[in-house]
Amino acid sequence: MRKGFDVLLAAVVASAVMLSVSPAAEPQRGTSGGSVASFYDLSTRTLAGQPADLAQYRGTVSLVVNVASYCGYTPQYAGLETLHRELKDQGFNVLGFPSNDFGEQEPGTAEEIAEFCRLTYDVTFPMFEKVVTRRGAGQSRVYAFLGASGKLPAWNFSKYVVDRQGRVVAFFPSEVTPEDPALRRAIAGALAAR
């Protein structure tokens, strides 16, 4: 009985997980009043605190993930790193944004997060400063833009596929692993599009 339920649940998740969003989503307003029409128009800071212009990723496909060091989904770091290494030469990158929004599962300093990622999962993909993903005061401009797709993370390790033009083309909740065929198909589709 349980096996049948698990198969049914997997089918429901697989069919409901991928949410294609319209590339014509309402642009976000920048702090200077200008519109932000592309993810790659944004800037942030690296985990080391240096300015980071996301324009450096324009023309590539990005998987944007809100990460945390002390979550049941934290082992997904291994699969994210595998994806990054496997596809980086094809114009793909994983971009990690630590967040303490859910269960306070990312309480560490930038240095502690970097050390954990390096020592535990040998993370080489770009990591950025800790952000607030939830709507409201203090929400990161990155997640305000991503949220215009109609989806915001409900927990750690939610995933957005961002195409070469900086549009959100798919969203996957936390339980969808980096190995999931639906996620892999969404990335492959974005890589194939020009």
Protein backbone atom coordinates (compact mmCIF):
# COMPACT_ATOMS: atom_id res chain seq x y z
CA MET A 1 0.00 0.00 0.00
CA ARG A 2 2.77 2.44 0.96
CA LYS A 3 4.67 1.76 -2.28
CA GLY A 4 1.58 2.59 -4.33
CA PHE A 5 1.13 5.82 -2.40
CA ASP A 6 4.81 6.74 -2.94
CA VAL A 7 4.48 6.15 -6.69
CA LEU A 8 1.31 8.25 -6.83
CA LEU A 9 2.92 11.01 -4.78
CA ALA A 10 6.00 11.02 -7.04
CA ALA A 11 3.78 11.31 -10.12
CA VAL A 12 1.80 14.19 -8.61
CA VAL A 13 4.96 16.01 -7.58
CA ALA A 14 6.58 15.45 -10.98
CA SER A 15 3.55 16.81 -12.82
CA ALA A 16 2.93 19.75 -10.48
CA VAL A 17 6.49 20.73 -9.68
CA MET A 18 7.52 22.54 -12.80
CA LEU A 19 5.83 25.85 -13.12
CA SER A 20 6.49 27.61 -16.35
CA VAL A 21 6.13 31.33 -15.93
CA SER A 22 5.54 34.01 -18.45
CA PRO A 23 8.65 35.81 -19.64
CA ALA A 24 6.51 38.95 -19.68
CA ALA A 25 6.21 39.14 -15.90
CA GLU A 26 5.92 42.63 -14.50
CA PRO A 27 9.40 44.19 -14.21
CA GLN A 28 10.64 45.05 -10.74
CA ARG A 29 11.43 48.63 -9.88
CA GLY A 30 15.01 49.34 -8.89
CA THR A 31 15.88 51.52 -5.93
CA SER A 32 16.71 54.37 -8.33
CA GLY A 33 13.27 54.05 -9.96
CA GLY A 34 14.48 52.16 -13.02
CA SER A 35 12.92 48.90 -14.10
CA VAL A 36 14.70 45.61 -13.69
CA ALA A 37 13.63 43.49 -16.65
CA SER A 38 16.20 40.72 -16.23
CA PHE A 39 17.73 38.76 -13.38
CA TYR A 40 21.05 39.73 -14.93
CA ASP A 41 20.30 43.44 -14.38
CA LEU A 42 20.64 42.95 -10.62
CA SER A 43 23.64 43.29 -8.38
CA THR A 44 24.35 41.82 -4.97
CA ARG A 45 27.39 40.86 -2.90
CA THR A 46 29.46 37.70 -2.84
CA LEU A 47 29.64 35.57 0.29
CA ALA A 48 33.01 37.25 0.89
CA GLY A 49 31.28 40.65 0.88
CA GLN A 50 32.53 41.87 -2.50
CA PRO A 51 30.18 43.61 -4.98
CA ALA A 52 28.76 41.15 -7.50
CA ASP A 53 27.10 42.23 -10.73
CA LEU A 54 24.86 39.42 -11.95
CA ALA A 55 25.39 40.73 -15.50
CA GLN A 56 28.46 38.50 -15.57
CA TYR A 57 26.06 35.54 -15.98
CA ARG A 58 24.04 37.07 -18.85
CA GLY A 59 23.97 34.66 -21.79
CA THR A 60 24.12 31.62 -19.51
CA VAL A 61 21.44 29.53 -17.82
CA SER A 62 21.40 29.78 -14.03
CA LEU A 63 19.90 27.62 -11.32
CA VAL A 64 19.26 29.98 -8.39
CA VAL A 65 18.92 28.20 -5.04
CA ASN A 66 18.30 29.45 -1.49
CA VAL A 67 20.66 27.28 0.56
CA ALA A 68 21.13 26.49 4.26
CA SER A 69 23.76 24.54 6.17
CA TYR A 70 21.55 22.83 8.77
CA CYS A 71 18.53 21.63 6.81
CA GLY A 72 17.25 18.17 5.94
CA TYR A 73 17.79 19.20 2.30
CA THR A 74 21.40 20.30 2.86
CA PRO A 75 22.77 17.10 1.23
CA GLN A 76 21.43 18.55 -2.04
CA TYR A 77 24.64 20.61 -2.08
CA ALA A 78 26.35 17.48 -3.47
CA GLY A 79 23.94 17.22 -6.39
CA LEU A 80 24.05 20.95 -7.04
CA GLU A 81 27.83 20.81 -7.22
CA THR A 82 27.65 17.83 -9.60
CA LEU A 83 25.21 19.74 -11.84
CA HIS A 84 27.46 22.80 -11.81
CA ARG A 85 30.59 20.84 -12.73
CA GLU A 86 28.80 18.73 -15.32
CA LEU A 87 27.19 21.64 -17.21
CA LYS A 88 29.37 24.70 -16.57
CA ASP A 89 31.17 24.34 -19.91
CA GLN A 90 27.77 24.41 -21.65
CA GLY A 91 26.90 27.86 -20.32
CA PHE A 92 25.27 26.85 -17.03
CA ASN A 93 25.85 27.80 -13.41
CA VAL A 94 24.40 27.17 -10.01
CA LEU A 95 24.12 30.34 -7.91
CA GLY A 96 23.71 29.83 -4.15
CA PHE A 97 22.02 32.36 -1.87
CA PRO A 98 22.22 31.41 1.82
CA SER A 99 19.12 32.29 3.81
CA ASN A 100 18.14 31.95 7.46
CA ASP A 101 14.43 32.42 6.69
CA PHE A 102 13.27 28.87 7.34
CA GLY A 103 13.82 27.23 10.70
CA GLU A 104 16.87 29.44 11.31
CA GLN A 105 18.89 26.76 9.53
CA GLU A 106 21.58 29.14 8.24
CA PRO A 107 22.70 30.97 11.40
CA GLY A 108 26.41 31.15 10.58
CA THR A 109 28.60 33.99 9.46
CA ALA A 110 29.73 34.27 5.87
CA GLU A 111 33.06 32.69 6.83
CA GLU A 112 31.35 29.77 8.58
CA ILE A 113 29.05 29.17 5.60
CA ALA A 114 31.97 29.26 3.15
CA GLU A 115 34.02 26.86 5.27
CA PHE A 116 31.11 24.45 5.71
CA CYS A 117 30.41 24.40 1.96
CA ARG A 118 34.07 23.95 1.05
CA LEU A 119 34.91 21.27 3.62
CA THR A 120 31.66 19.28 3.54
CA TYR A 121 30.60 19.45 -0.12
CA ASP A 122 33.61 20.92 -1.98
CA VAL A 123 31.32 23.63 -3.36
CA THR A 124 32.87 25.56 -6.25
CA PHE A 125 29.74 27.26 -7.61
CA PRO A 126 29.27 30.96 -6.80
CA MET A 127 27.85 31.75 -3.38
CA PHE A 128 26.40 35.11 -2.45
CA GLU A 129 25.63 37.00 0.74
CA LYS A 130 22.94 35.76 3.08
CA VAL A 131 19.57 37.09 1.93
CA VAL A 132 15.94 37.41 2.99
CA THR A 133 13.76 35.54 0.50
CA ARG A 134 10.36 36.35 2.06
CA ARG A 135 8.23 39.32 1.04
CA GLY A 136 8.38 42.35 3.26
CA ALA A 137 10.95 44.63 4.78
CA GLY A 138 14.48 43.55 4.03
CA GLN A 139 13.62 41.21 1.16
CA SER A 140 16.55 40.84 -1.21
CA ARG A 141 16.08 42.55 -4.59
CA VAL A 142 17.13 39.23 -6.11
CA TYR A 143 14.20 37.44 -4.46
CA ALA A 144 11.81 40.33 -5.14
CA PHE A 145 12.61 39.83 -8.83
CA LEU A 146 12.37 36.03 -8.64
CA GLY A 147 9.08 36.33 -6.70
CA ALA A 148 7.53 38.29 -9.58
CA SER A 149 7.32 34.87 -11.28
CA GLY A 150 4.51 34.07 -8.84
CA LYS A 151 6.58 31.76 -6.64
CA LEU A 152 8.73 32.38 -3.58
CA PRO A 153 10.54 29.71 -1.57
CA ALA A 154 8.44 27.93 1.04
CA TRP A 155 11.60 26.35 2.48
CA ASN A 156 15.34 26.01 1.88
CA PHE A 157 16.66 24.65 -1.44
CA SER A 158 13.89 25.99 -3.67
CA LYS A 159 15.15 26.30 -7.24
CA TYR A 160 14.60 28.76 -10.09
CA VAL A 161 15.76 28.08 -13.63
CA VAL A 162 16.74 31.43 -15.18
CA ASP A 163 17.26 31.53 -18.95
CA ARG A 164 20.01 33.26 -20.91
CA GLN A 165 18.02 36.51 -21.02
CA GLY A 166 17.46 36.53 -17.25
CA ARG A 167 13.83 35.36 -17.24
CA VAL A 168 12.52 32.82 -14.73
CA VAL A 169 11.35 29.87 -16.84
CA ALA A 170 10.75 27.24 -14.14
CA PHE A 171 10.46 26.88 -10.37
CA PHE A 172 10.97 23.74 -8.28
CA PRO A 173 10.25 23.38 -4.56
CA SER A 174 12.74 22.06 -2.02
CA GLU A 175 11.90 18.38 -2.34
CA VAL A 176 12.87 18.32 -6.02
CA THR A 177 16.49 17.16 -6.01
CA PRO A 178 19.20 18.25 -8.45
CA GLU A 179 18.99 14.76 -9.98
CA ASP A 180 15.24 14.98 -10.69
CA PRO A 181 14.48 14.37 -14.39
CA ALA A 182 11.97 17.27 -14.52
CA LEU A 183 14.60 19.72 -13.25
CA ARG A 184 17.16 18.30 -15.67
CA ARG A 185 14.68 18.70 -18.57
CA ALA A 186 13.98 22.32 -17.63
CA ILE A 187 17.72 23.11 -17.56
CA ALA A 188 18.28 21.28 -20.87
CA GLY A 189 15.40 23.18 -22.47
CA ALA A 190 16.81 26.52 -21.31
CA LEU A 191 20.27 25.57 -22.56
CA ALA A 192 18.88 24.56 -25.96
CA ALA A 193 16.97 27.83 -26.41
CA ARG A 194 18.81 30.74 -27.96
